[in-house]
Amino acid sequence: MECCRAHHIIAIVSLVLILSPVVVHGWGIDGHLTICRIAQSRLSESAAAAVKVLLPASAGDDLGSECSWADRVKFHYHWSSSLHFIDTPDNLCAYQYTRDCKDEYGVQGRCVAGAINNYTSQLLSYGNAASQYNLTEALLFLSHFIGDIHQPLHVGFTSDKGGNTIDVHWYTRKTVLHHVWDDSIIMTSEDRSYNSNVDGLIDAIKKNITGEWADQVQTWEDCSGNQTACPDIYASEGIKAACDWAYKDDYFQSRVPIVNLRLAQGGVRLAATLNRHVPRTV
């Protein structure tokens, strides 16, 4: 499998390497909203009750409305910026926790996989009056980071910062490759197929979860070895998807199914993670 970045100008996307300061985001607002609403629709009764208790009043019991909170607070919680992604060696197309899960200073565990493990563990203390954790923040961080790890370029190459230094043209708009996967594919899909309505996209993905992908859902939900969470599986899938699809030519039509699949997996797995562990302490 060839894993190098695209170098050809094509009808939809042209890729030119640039060097510039970058700000890393996960899926855009609609991507995170989609994952959290899919997840909330799949929660067990006890997990749903716990989520309702932990959500801030401003959420109106809608987890999706707060699913981008972790992006909004990055400039206040500066320490959280490195928790949104994983940088892997260029062109290797493989992920290893001990090698790759670290921040720019080399501190181990400071990546999106480490953050998922951390906040899942914090939520295990739900219902314990002695818990010292802010479990509302733990829920919001976990919900966001499970979304992030399913965006292929959040487990991307080190040199281009997950596509953030690759300049592209999405139709007539200049952007970066990372943003295409965060927002552009989703927004174009909504415009073309769902009358610019994210609810239509969510409904379509839910139908695929119970239809076309129904025989895969159990595998998505599984977490081997009685672990609290399985982000290493999701990260390994992510870098493979980045190499197979993101760092390649020929875009919109061929990428929409990949984006929808990763959104579905993120929603199913967020629900499965909460269902596995939050109810134990209710």
C-alpha atoms as a PDB file:
ATOM      1  CA  MET A   1       0.000   0.000   0.000  1.00  0.00           C
ATOM      2  CA  GLU A   2       1.392   3.375  -0.983  1.00  0.00           C
ATOM      3  CA  CYS A   3       1.102   5.789   1.939  1.00  0.00           C
ATOM      4  CA  CYS A   4       2.691   8.973   0.645  1.00  0.00           C
ATOM      5  CA  ARG A   5       0.879  12.324   0.348  1.00  0.00           C
ATOM      6  CA  ALA A   6      -0.788  13.345  -2.881  1.00  0.00           C
ATOM      7  CA  HIS A   7       1.165  15.651  -5.169  1.00  0.00           C
ATOM      8  CA  HIS A   8      -1.121  16.150  -8.175  1.00  0.00           C
ATOM      9  CA  ILE A   9      -3.565  18.939  -8.899  1.00  0.00           C
ATOM     10  CA  ILE A  10      -6.968  17.370  -9.467  1.00  0.00           C
ATOM     11  CA  ALA A  11     -10.423  18.715 -10.188  1.00  0.00           C
ATOM     12  CA  ILE A  12     -11.528  19.023  -6.590  1.00  0.00           C
ATOM     13  CA  VAL A  13      -8.470  19.090  -4.356  1.00  0.00           C
ATOM     14  CA  SER A  14      -4.964  20.377  -5.040  1.00  0.00           C
ATOM     15  CA  LEU A  15      -2.307  19.694  -2.450  1.00  0.00           C
ATOM     16  CA  VAL A  16       0.709  21.924  -1.884  1.00  0.00           C
ATOM     17  CA  LEU A  17       2.881  21.609   1.210  1.00  0.00           C
ATOM     18  CA  ILE A  18       3.140  24.867   3.145  1.00  0.00           C
ATOM     19  CA  LEU A  19       4.760  25.833   6.418  1.00  0.00           C
ATOM     20  CA  SER A  20       2.535  27.894   8.703  1.00  0.00           C
ATOM     21  CA  PRO A  21       1.295  27.967  12.312  1.00  0.00           C
ATOM     22  CA  VAL A  22      -1.528  25.497  12.834  1.00  0.00           C
ATOM     23  CA  VAL A  23      -4.430  25.030  15.203  1.00  0.00           C
ATOM     24  CA  VAL A  24      -5.625  21.445  15.475  1.00  0.00           C
ATOM     25  CA  HIS A  25      -9.357  20.823  15.669  1.00  0.00           C
ATOM     26  CA  GLY A  26     -11.283  17.566  15.594  1.00  0.00           C
ATOM     27  CA  TRP A  27     -14.382  17.032  13.544  1.00  0.00           C
ATOM     28  CA  GLY A  28     -16.205  20.307  13.067  1.00  0.00           C
ATOM     29  CA  ILE A  29     -19.289  21.133  15.095  1.00  0.00           C
ATOM     30  CA  ASP A  30     -21.590  18.987  12.949  1.00  0.00           C
ATOM     31  CA  GLY A  31     -19.262  15.985  13.082  1.00  0.00           C
ATOM     32  CA  HIS A  32     -19.055  16.025  16.868  1.00  0.00           C
ATOM     33  CA  LEU A  33     -22.782  16.734  17.142  1.00  0.00           C
ATOM     34  CA  THR A  34     -23.486  13.697  14.955  1.00  0.00           C
ATOM     35  CA  ILE A  35     -21.314  11.359  17.018  1.00  0.00           C
ATOM     36  CA  CYS A  36     -22.766  12.476  20.347  1.00  0.00           C
ATOM     37  CA  ARG A  37     -26.385  12.305  19.210  1.00  0.00           C
ATOM     38  CA  ILE A  38     -25.859   8.828  17.788  1.00  0.00           C
ATOM     39  CA  ALA A  39     -24.237   7.808  21.072  1.00  0.00           C
ATOM     40  CA  GLN A  40     -26.973   9.309  23.245  1.00  0.00           C
ATOM     41  CA  SER A  41     -29.620   7.423  21.277  1.00  0.00           C
ATOM     42  CA  ARG A  42     -27.845   4.140  22.102  1.00  0.00           C
ATOM     43  CA  LEU A  43     -27.283   4.593  25.844  1.00  0.00           C
ATOM     44  CA  SER A  44     -28.623   2.152  28.386  1.00  0.00           C
ATOM     45  CA  GLU A  45     -31.202   3.505  30.817  1.00  0.00           C
ATOM     46  CA  SER A  46     -28.675   3.905  33.623  1.00  0.00           C
ATOM     47  CA  ALA A  47     -25.984   5.457  31.425  1.00  0.00           C
ATOM     48  CA  ALA A  48     -28.551   7.875  29.972  1.00  0.00           C
ATOM     49  CA  ALA A  49     -29.568   8.885  33.497  1.00  0.00           C
ATOM     50  CA  ALA A  50     -25.932   9.489  34.463  1.00  0.00           C
ATOM     51  CA  VAL A  51     -25.327  11.598  31.356  1.00  0.00           C
ATOM     52  CA  LYS A  52     -28.420  13.654  32.157  1.00  0.00           C
ATOM     53  CA  VAL A  53     -27.113  14.312  35.680  1.00  0.00           C
ATOM     54  CA  LEU A  54     -23.633  15.266  34.474  1.00  0.00           C
ATOM     55  CA  LEU A  55     -24.597  17.539  31.586  1.00  0.00           C
ATOM     56  CA  PRO A  56     -24.666  21.266  32.396  1.00  0.00           C
ATOM     57  CA  ALA A  57     -28.129  22.821  32.552  1.00  0.00           C
ATOM     58  CA  SER A  58     -27.361  24.812  29.402  1.00  0.00           C
ATOM     59  CA  ALA A  59     -27.211  21.566  27.396  1.00  0.00           C
ATOM     60  CA  GLY A  60     -30.920  20.895  27.799  1.00  0.00           C
ATOM     61  CA  ASP A  61     -30.173  17.154  28.196  1.00  0.00           C
ATOM     62  CA  ASP A  62     -28.587  17.138  24.708  1.00  0.00           C
ATOM     63  CA  LEU A  63     -25.053  15.706  24.805  1.00  0.00           C
ATOM     64  CA  GLY A  64     -24.541  16.798  21.206  1.00  0.00           C
ATOM     65  CA  SER A  65     -24.905  20.464  22.118  1.00  0.00           C
ATOM     66  CA  GLU A  66     -21.781  20.233  24.298  1.00  0.00           C
ATOM     67  CA  CYS A  67     -19.766  17.827  22.171  1.00  0.00           C
ATOM     68  CA  SER A  68     -17.501  20.622  20.859  1.00  0.00           C
ATOM     69  CA  TRP A  69     -16.895  22.052  24.343  1.00  0.00           C
ATOM     70  CA  ALA A  70     -13.355  20.634  24.428  1.00  0.00           C
ATOM     71  CA  ASP A  71     -12.447  22.687  21.353  1.00  0.00           C
ATOM     72  CA  ARG A  72     -13.907  25.839  22.870  1.00  0.00           C
ATOM     73  CA  VAL A  73     -11.841  25.560  26.059  1.00  0.00           C
ATOM     74  CA  LYS A  74      -8.457  24.778  24.482  1.00  0.00           C
ATOM     75  CA  PHE A  75      -7.360  28.386  24.728  1.00  0.00           C
ATOM     76  CA  HIS A  76      -8.270  28.433  28.423  1.00  0.00           C
ATOM     77  CA  TYR A  77      -7.065  24.910  29.225  1.00  0.00           C
ATOM     78  CA  HIS A  78      -3.804  25.204  27.300  1.00  0.00           C
ATOM     79  CA  TRP A  79      -2.643  21.862  28.673  1.00  0.00           C
ATOM     80  CA  SER A  80      -5.438  20.092  26.784  1.00  0.00           C
ATOM     81  CA  SER A  81      -4.317  21.014  23.251  1.00  0.00           C
ATOM     82  CA  SER A  82      -2.062  17.989  22.787  1.00  0.00           C
ATOM     83  CA  LEU A  83      -4.845  15.640  23.901  1.00  0.00           C
ATOM     84  CA  HIS A  84      -6.804  15.992  20.655  1.00  0.00           C
ATOM     85  CA  PHE A  85      -4.509  14.051  18.308  1.00  0.00           C
ATOM     86  CA  ILE A  86      -1.650  11.608  17.748  1.00  0.00           C
ATOM     87  CA  ASP A  87       1.344  12.233  15.486  1.00  0.00           C
ATOM     88  CA  THR A  88       2.810   9.101  13.891  1.00  0.00           C
ATOM     89  CA  PRO A  89       6.007   8.629  11.845  1.00  0.00           C
ATOM     90  CA  ASP A  90       5.640   9.789   8.249  1.00  0.00           C
ATOM     91  CA  ASN A  91       4.552   7.151   5.724  1.00  0.00           C
ATOM     92  CA  LEU A  92       4.773   4.286   8.222  1.00  0.00           C
ATOM     93  CA  CYS A  93       0.968   3.997   8.343  1.00  0.00           C
ATOM     94  CA  ALA A  94       1.038   2.322  11.750  1.00  0.00           C
ATOM     95  CA  TYR A  95       0.418   3.395  15.344  1.00  0.00           C
ATOM     96  CA  GLN A  96       2.060   2.267  18.588  1.00  0.00           C
ATOM     97  CA  TYR A  97       1.002   3.706  21.938  1.00  0.00           C
ATOM     98  CA  THR A  98       4.439   3.651  23.563  1.00  0.00           C
ATOM     99  CA  ARG A  99       6.090   5.286  20.560  1.00  0.00           C
ATOM    100  CA  ASP A 100       3.421   7.753  19.459  1.00  0.00           C
ATOM    101  CA  CYS A 101       1.319   8.773  22.476  1.00  0.00           C
ATOM    102  CA  LYS A 102       3.293  11.730  23.775  1.00  0.00           C
ATOM    103  CA  ASP A 103       3.185  15.508  23.564  1.00  0.00           C
ATOM    104  CA  GLU A 104       5.708  17.839  21.929  1.00  0.00           C
ATOM    105  CA  TYR A 105       7.873  17.649  25.059  1.00  0.00           C
ATOM    106  CA  GLY A 106       7.932  13.855  25.008  1.00  0.00           C
ATOM    107  CA  VAL A 107       5.608  13.373  27.990  1.00  0.00           C
ATOM    108  CA  GLN A 108       4.106   9.900  27.632  1.00  0.00           C
ATOM    109  CA  GLY A 109       0.342   9.416  27.628  1.00  0.00           C
ATOM    110  CA  ARG A 110      -0.424  12.948  26.466  1.00  0.00           C
ATOM    111  CA  CYS A 111      -2.337  12.228  23.272  1.00  0.00           C
ATOM    112  CA  VAL A 112      -5.954  11.523  22.382  1.00  0.00           C
ATOM    113  CA  ALA A 113      -5.631   7.801  23.191  1.00  0.00           C
ATOM    114  CA  GLY A 114      -4.173   8.560  26.621  1.00  0.00           C
ATOM    115  CA  ALA A 115      -6.898  11.143  27.235  1.00  0.00           C
ATOM    116  CA  ILE A 116      -9.639   8.623  26.425  1.00  0.00           C
ATOM    117  CA  ASN A 117      -8.143   6.167  28.911  1.00  0.00           C
ATOM    118  CA  ASN A 118      -7.867   8.888  31.553  1.00  0.00           C
ATOM    119  CA  TYR A 119     -11.381  10.299  31.295  1.00  0.00           C
ATOM    120  CA  THR A 120     -12.975   6.863  31.024  1.00  0.00           C
ATOM    121  CA  SER A 121     -11.230   5.942  34.279  1.00  0.00           C
ATOM    122  CA  GLN A 122     -12.441   9.156  35.915  1.00  0.00           C
ATOM    123  CA  LEU A 123     -16.043   8.360  34.995  1.00  0.00           C
ATOM    124  CA  LEU A 124     -15.744   5.060  36.859  1.00  0.00           C
ATOM    125  CA  SER A 125     -15.987   7.140  40.040  1.00  0.00           C
ATOM    126  CA  TYR A 126     -19.501   8.321  39.158  1.00  0.00           C
ATOM    127  CA  GLY A 127     -21.757   7.802  42.161  1.00  0.00           C
ATOM    128  CA  ASN A 128     -18.837   7.851  44.599  1.00  0.00           C
ATOM    129  CA  ALA A 129     -19.280  10.801  46.944  1.00  0.00           C
ATOM    130  CA  ALA A 130     -15.527  10.814  47.585  1.00  0.00           C
ATOM    131  CA  SER A 131     -14.650  11.350  43.918  1.00  0.00           C
ATOM    132  CA  GLN A 132     -12.262  14.263  43.433  1.00  0.00           C
ATOM    133  CA  TYR A 133     -12.894  14.551  39.697  1.00  0.00           C
ATOM    134  CA  ASN A 134     -14.983  17.040  37.771  1.00  0.00           C
ATOM    135  CA  LEU A 135     -17.136  14.401  36.114  1.00  0.00           C
ATOM    136  CA  THR A 136     -19.024  16.871  33.944  1.00  0.00           C
ATOM    137  CA  GLU A 137     -15.740  17.855  32.322  1.00  0.00           C
ATOM    138  CA  ALA A 138     -14.683  14.197  32.162  1.00  0.00           C
ATOM    139  CA  LEU A 139     -17.866  13.350  30.229  1.00  0.00           C
ATOM    140  CA  LEU A 140     -17.439  16.260  27.829  1.00  0.00           C
ATOM    141  CA  PHE A 141     -13.753  15.556  27.231  1.00  0.00           C
ATOM    142  CA  LEU A 142     -14.380  11.838  26.685  1.00  0.00           C
ATOM    143  CA  SER A 143     -17.273  12.471  24.297  1.00  0.00           C
ATOM    144  CA  HIS A 144     -15.161  14.871  22.262  1.00  0.00           C
ATOM    145  CA  PHE A 145     -11.983  12.801  22.232  1.00  0.00           C
ATOM    146  CA  ILE A 146     -13.731   9.621  21.091  1.00  0.00           C
ATOM    147  CA  GLY A 147     -14.956  11.766  18.215  1.00  0.00           C
ATOM    148  CA  ASP A 148     -11.480  13.135  17.515  1.00  0.00           C
ATOM    149  CA  ILE A 149      -9.802   9.742  17.364  1.00  0.00           C
ATOM    150  CA  HIS A 150     -12.255   8.667  14.656  1.00  0.00           C
ATOM    151  CA  GLN A 151     -11.259  11.566  12.388  1.00  0.00           C
ATOM    152  CA  PRO A 152      -8.520   9.909  10.293  1.00  0.00           C
ATOM    153  CA  LEU A 153      -6.161  12.892  10.257  1.00  0.00           C
ATOM    154  CA  HIS A 154      -6.175  13.079  14.048  1.00  0.00           C
ATOM    155  CA  VAL A 155      -3.863  10.100  13.778  1.00  0.00           C
ATOM    156  CA  GLY A 156      -1.781  11.501  10.946  1.00  0.00           C
ATOM    157  CA  PHE A 157       1.818  12.150   9.957  1.00  0.00           C
ATOM    158  CA  THR A 158       4.129  14.166  12.182  1.00  0.00           C
ATOM    159  CA  SER A 159       5.691  16.403   9.514  1.00  0.00           C
ATOM    160  CA  ASP A 160       2.383  17.795   8.209  1.00  0.00           C
ATOM    161  CA  LYS A 161       0.652  17.829  11.613  1.00  0.00           C
ATOM    162  CA  GLY A 162      -2.185  15.617  10.462  1.00  0.00           C
ATOM    163  CA  GLY A 163      -2.723  17.502   7.212  1.00  0.00           C
ATOM    164  CA  ASN A 164      -2.714  20.933   8.844  1.00  0.00           C
ATOM    165  CA  THR A 165       0.219  22.175   6.748  1.00  0.00           C
ATOM    166  CA  ILE A 166      -1.097  20.838   3.435  1.00  0.00           C
ATOM    167  CA  ASP A 167      -2.786  23.628   1.519  1.00  0.00           C
ATOM    168  CA  VAL A 168      -5.765  22.538  -0.584  1.00  0.00           C
ATOM    169  CA  HIS A 169      -8.588  23.895  -2.684  1.00  0.00           C
ATOM    170  CA  TRP A 170     -11.985  22.419  -1.883  1.00  0.00           C
ATOM    171  CA  TYR A 171     -13.890  23.408  -5.001  1.00  0.00           C
ATOM    172  CA  THR A 172     -13.374  27.210  -4.992  1.00  0.00           C
ATOM    173  CA  ARG A 173     -12.313  27.602  -1.369  1.00  0.00           C
ATOM    174  CA  LYS A 174      -8.741  27.535  -0.128  1.00  0.00           C
ATOM    175  CA  THR A 175      -8.284  25.574   3.088  1.00  0.00           C
ATOM    176  CA  VAL A 176      -6.049  22.834   4.534  1.00  0.00           C
ATOM    177  CA  LEU A 177      -6.434  19.085   4.145  1.00  0.00           C
ATOM    178  CA  HIS A 178      -7.216  18.615   7.835  1.00  0.00           C
ATOM    179  CA  HIS A 179     -10.169  21.005   7.556  1.00  0.00           C
ATOM    180  CA  VAL A 180     -11.518  19.074   4.569  1.00  0.00           C
ATOM    181  CA  TRP A 181     -11.921  16.058   6.850  1.00  0.00           C
ATOM    182  CA  ASP A 182     -13.121  18.091   9.830  1.00  0.00           C
ATOM    183  CA  ASP A 183     -15.792  20.052   7.997  1.00  0.00           C
ATOM    184  CA  SER A 184     -15.783  20.281   4.216  1.00  0.00           C
ATOM    185  CA  ILE A 185     -16.803  16.730   3.304  1.00  0.00           C
ATOM    186  CA  ILE A 186     -19.562  16.743   5.927  1.00  0.00           C
ATOM    187  CA  MET A 187     -20.895  20.173   4.976  1.00  0.00           C
ATOM    188  CA  THR A 188     -20.860  19.375   1.254  1.00  0.00           C
ATOM    189  CA  SER A 189     -22.663  16.107   1.937  1.00  0.00           C
ATOM    190  CA  GLU A 190     -25.292  17.930   4.006  1.00  0.00           C
ATOM    191  CA  ASP A 191     -25.771  20.545   1.282  1.00  0.00           C
ATOM    192  CA  ARG A 192     -26.114  17.989  -1.508  1.00  0.00           C
ATOM    193  CA  SER A 193     -28.066  15.224   0.172  1.00  0.00           C
ATOM    194  CA  TYR A 194     -29.837  16.574   3.262  1.00  0.00           C
ATOM    195  CA  ASN A 195     -30.952  20.107   2.392  1.00  0.00           C
ATOM    196  CA  SER A 196     -28.119  21.522   4.530  1.00  0.00           C
ATOM    197  CA  ASN A 197     -29.614  19.813   7.580  1.00  0.00           C
ATOM    198  CA  VAL A 198     -27.388  17.894   9.992  1.00  0.00           C
ATOM    199  CA  ASP A 199     -30.425  16.014  11.332  1.00  0.00           C
ATOM    200  CA  GLY A 200     -30.829  14.388   7.923  1.00  0.00           C
ATOM    201  CA  LEU A 201     -27.222  13.198   8.030  1.00  0.00           C
ATOM    202  CA  ILE A 202     -27.661  11.824  11.560  1.00  0.00           C
ATOM    203  CA  ASP A 203     -30.835   9.957  10.596  1.00  0.00           C
ATOM    204  CA  ALA A 204     -29.146   8.457   7.525  1.00  0.00           C
ATOM    205  CA  ILE A 205     -26.173   7.222   9.558  1.00  0.00           C
ATOM    206  CA  LYS A 206     -28.475   5.759  12.216  1.00  0.00           C
ATOM    207  CA  LYS A 207     -30.313   3.832   9.491  1.00  0.00           C
ATOM    208  CA  ASN A 208     -27.016   2.462   8.209  1.00  0.00           C
ATOM    209  CA  ILE A 209     -26.035   1.395  11.741  1.00  0.00           C
ATOM    210  CA  THR A 210     -29.189  -0.725  12.010  1.00  0.00           C
ATOM    211  CA  GLY A 211     -29.109  -1.720   8.342  1.00  0.00           C
ATOM    212  CA  GLU A 212     -26.028  -1.871   6.126  1.00  0.00           C
ATOM    213  CA  TRP A 213     -23.542  -1.951   9.033  1.00  0.00           C
ATOM    214  CA  ALA A 214     -25.647  -3.950  11.507  1.00  0.00           C
ATOM    215  CA  ASP A 215     -23.410  -7.020  11.326  1.00  0.00           C
ATOM    216  CA  GLN A 216     -20.346  -4.892  12.189  1.00  0.00           C
ATOM    217  CA  VAL A 217     -21.721  -3.056  15.220  1.00  0.00           C
ATOM    218  CA  GLN A 218     -20.877  -5.753  17.773  1.00  0.00           C
ATOM    219  CA  THR A 219     -17.262  -5.687  16.616  1.00  0.00           C
ATOM    220  CA  TRP A 220     -17.175  -1.899  16.923  1.00  0.00           C
ATOM    221  CA  GLU A 221     -18.522  -2.103  20.476  1.00  0.00           C
ATOM    222  CA  ASP A 222     -16.154  -4.839  21.658  1.00  0.00           C
ATOM    223  CA  CYS A 223     -13.281  -3.898  23.946  1.00  0.00           C
ATOM    224  CA  SER A 224     -10.925  -6.814  24.520  1.00  0.00           C
ATOM    225  CA  GLY A 225      -9.226  -7.825  27.736  1.00  0.00           C
ATOM    226  CA  ASN A 226     -11.821  -6.178  29.994  1.00  0.00           C
ATOM    227  CA  GLN A 227     -10.204  -2.799  29.377  1.00  0.00           C
ATOM    228  CA  THR A 228     -11.973   0.396  30.397  1.00  0.00           C
ATOM    229  CA  ALA A 229     -11.565   1.730  26.850  1.00  0.00           C
ATOM    230  CA  CYS A 230      -9.905   0.642  23.612  1.00  0.00           C
ATOM    231  CA  PRO A 231      -8.530   3.782  21.927  1.00  0.00           C
ATOM    232  CA  ASP A 232      -5.508   1.945  20.510  1.00  0.00           C
ATOM    233  CA  ILE A 233      -7.853   0.026  18.210  1.00  0.00           C
ATOM    234  CA  TYR A 234      -9.475   3.265  17.068  1.00  0.00           C
ATOM    235  CA  ALA A 235      -6.103   4.966  16.523  1.00  0.00           C
ATOM    236  CA  SER A 236      -4.775   2.060  14.456  1.00  0.00           C
ATOM    237  CA  GLU A 237      -7.890   2.257  12.291  1.00  0.00           C
ATOM    238  CA  GLY A 238      -7.408   6.018  12.042  1.00  0.00           C
ATOM    239  CA  ILE A 239      -3.882   6.021  10.634  1.00  0.00           C
ATOM    240  CA  LYS A 240      -4.834   3.269   8.186  1.00  0.00           C
ATOM    241  CA  ALA A 241      -7.802   5.353   6.999  1.00  0.00           C
ATOM    242  CA  ALA A 242      -5.550   8.409   6.733  1.00  0.00           C
ATOM    243  CA  CYS A 243      -3.096   6.513   4.538  1.00  0.00           C
ATOM    244  CA  ASP A 244      -5.763   4.762   2.471  1.00  0.00           C
ATOM    245  CA  TRP A 245      -8.039   7.764   1.958  1.00  0.00           C
ATOM    246  CA  ALA A 246      -6.918  11.143   3.326  1.00  0.00           C
ATOM    247  CA  TYR A 247      -3.409  11.341   1.855  1.00  0.00           C
ATOM    248  CA  LYS A 248      -4.663  10.459  -1.638  1.00  0.00           C
ATOM    249  CA  ASP A 249      -6.161  12.046  -4.751  1.00  0.00           C
ATOM    250  CA  ASP A 250      -9.775  11.748  -5.988  1.00  0.00           C
ATOM    251  CA  TYR A 251     -12.059  13.127  -3.356  1.00  0.00           C
ATOM    252  CA  PHE A 252     -15.672  13.889  -2.569  1.00  0.00           C
ATOM    253  CA  GLN A 253     -17.750  10.920  -3.748  1.00  0.00           C
ATOM    254  CA  SER A 254     -15.224   8.308  -2.631  1.00  0.00           C
ATOM    255  CA  ARG A 255     -14.657   9.892   0.803  1.00  0.00           C
ATOM    256  CA  VAL A 256     -18.233  10.442   1.981  1.00  0.00           C
ATOM    257  CA  PRO A 257     -18.761   6.746   2.891  1.00  0.00           C
ATOM    258  CA  ILE A 258     -15.512   6.746   4.894  1.00  0.00           C
ATOM    259  CA  VAL A 259     -16.520   9.870   6.829  1.00  0.00           C
ATOM    260  CA  ASN A 260     -19.989   8.466   7.524  1.00  0.00           C
ATOM    261  CA  LEU A 261     -18.505   5.152   8.670  1.00  0.00           C
ATOM    262  CA  ARG A 262     -16.106   6.859  11.091  1.00  0.00           C
ATOM    263  CA  LEU A 263     -18.910   9.050  12.467  1.00  0.00           C
ATOM    264  CA  ALA A 264     -21.017   5.927  13.002  1.00  0.00           C
ATOM    265  CA  GLN A 265     -18.182   4.053  14.700  1.00  0.00           C
ATOM    266  CA  GLY A 266     -17.485   7.032  16.949  1.00  0.00           C
ATOM    267  CA  GLY A 267     -21.105   7.250  18.064  1.00  0.00           C
ATOM    268  CA  VAL A 268     -21.470   3.515  18.641  1.00  0.00           C
ATOM    269  CA  ARG A 269     -18.213   3.326  20.580  1.00  0.00           C
ATOM    270  CA  LEU A 270     -18.924   6.368  22.744  1.00  0.00           C
ATOM    271  CA  ALA A 271     -22.237   4.789  23.741  1.00  0.00           C
ATOM    272  CA  ALA A 272     -20.579   1.414  24.332  1.00  0.00           C
ATOM    273  CA  THR A 273     -17.886   2.978  26.528  1.00  0.00           C
ATOM    274  CA  LEU A 274     -20.457   4.786  28.672  1.00  0.00           C
ATOM    275  CA  ASN A 275     -22.734   1.740  28.801  1.00  0.00           C
ATOM    276  CA  ARG A 276     -19.881  -0.524  29.929  1.00  0.00           C
ATOM    277  CA  HIS A 277     -18.659   1.566  32.815  1.00  0.00           C
ATOM    278  CA  VAL A 278     -20.918   4.370  34.008  1.00  0.00           C
ATOM    279  CA  PRO A 279     -23.788   2.041  35.076  1.00  0.00           C
ATOM    280  CA  ARG A 280     -21.507   0.083  37.397  1.00  0.00           C
ATOM    281  CA  THR A 281     -21.505   2.914  39.903  1.00  0.00           C
ATOM    282  CA  VAL A 282     -25.127   4.045  39.608  1.00  0.00           C
END
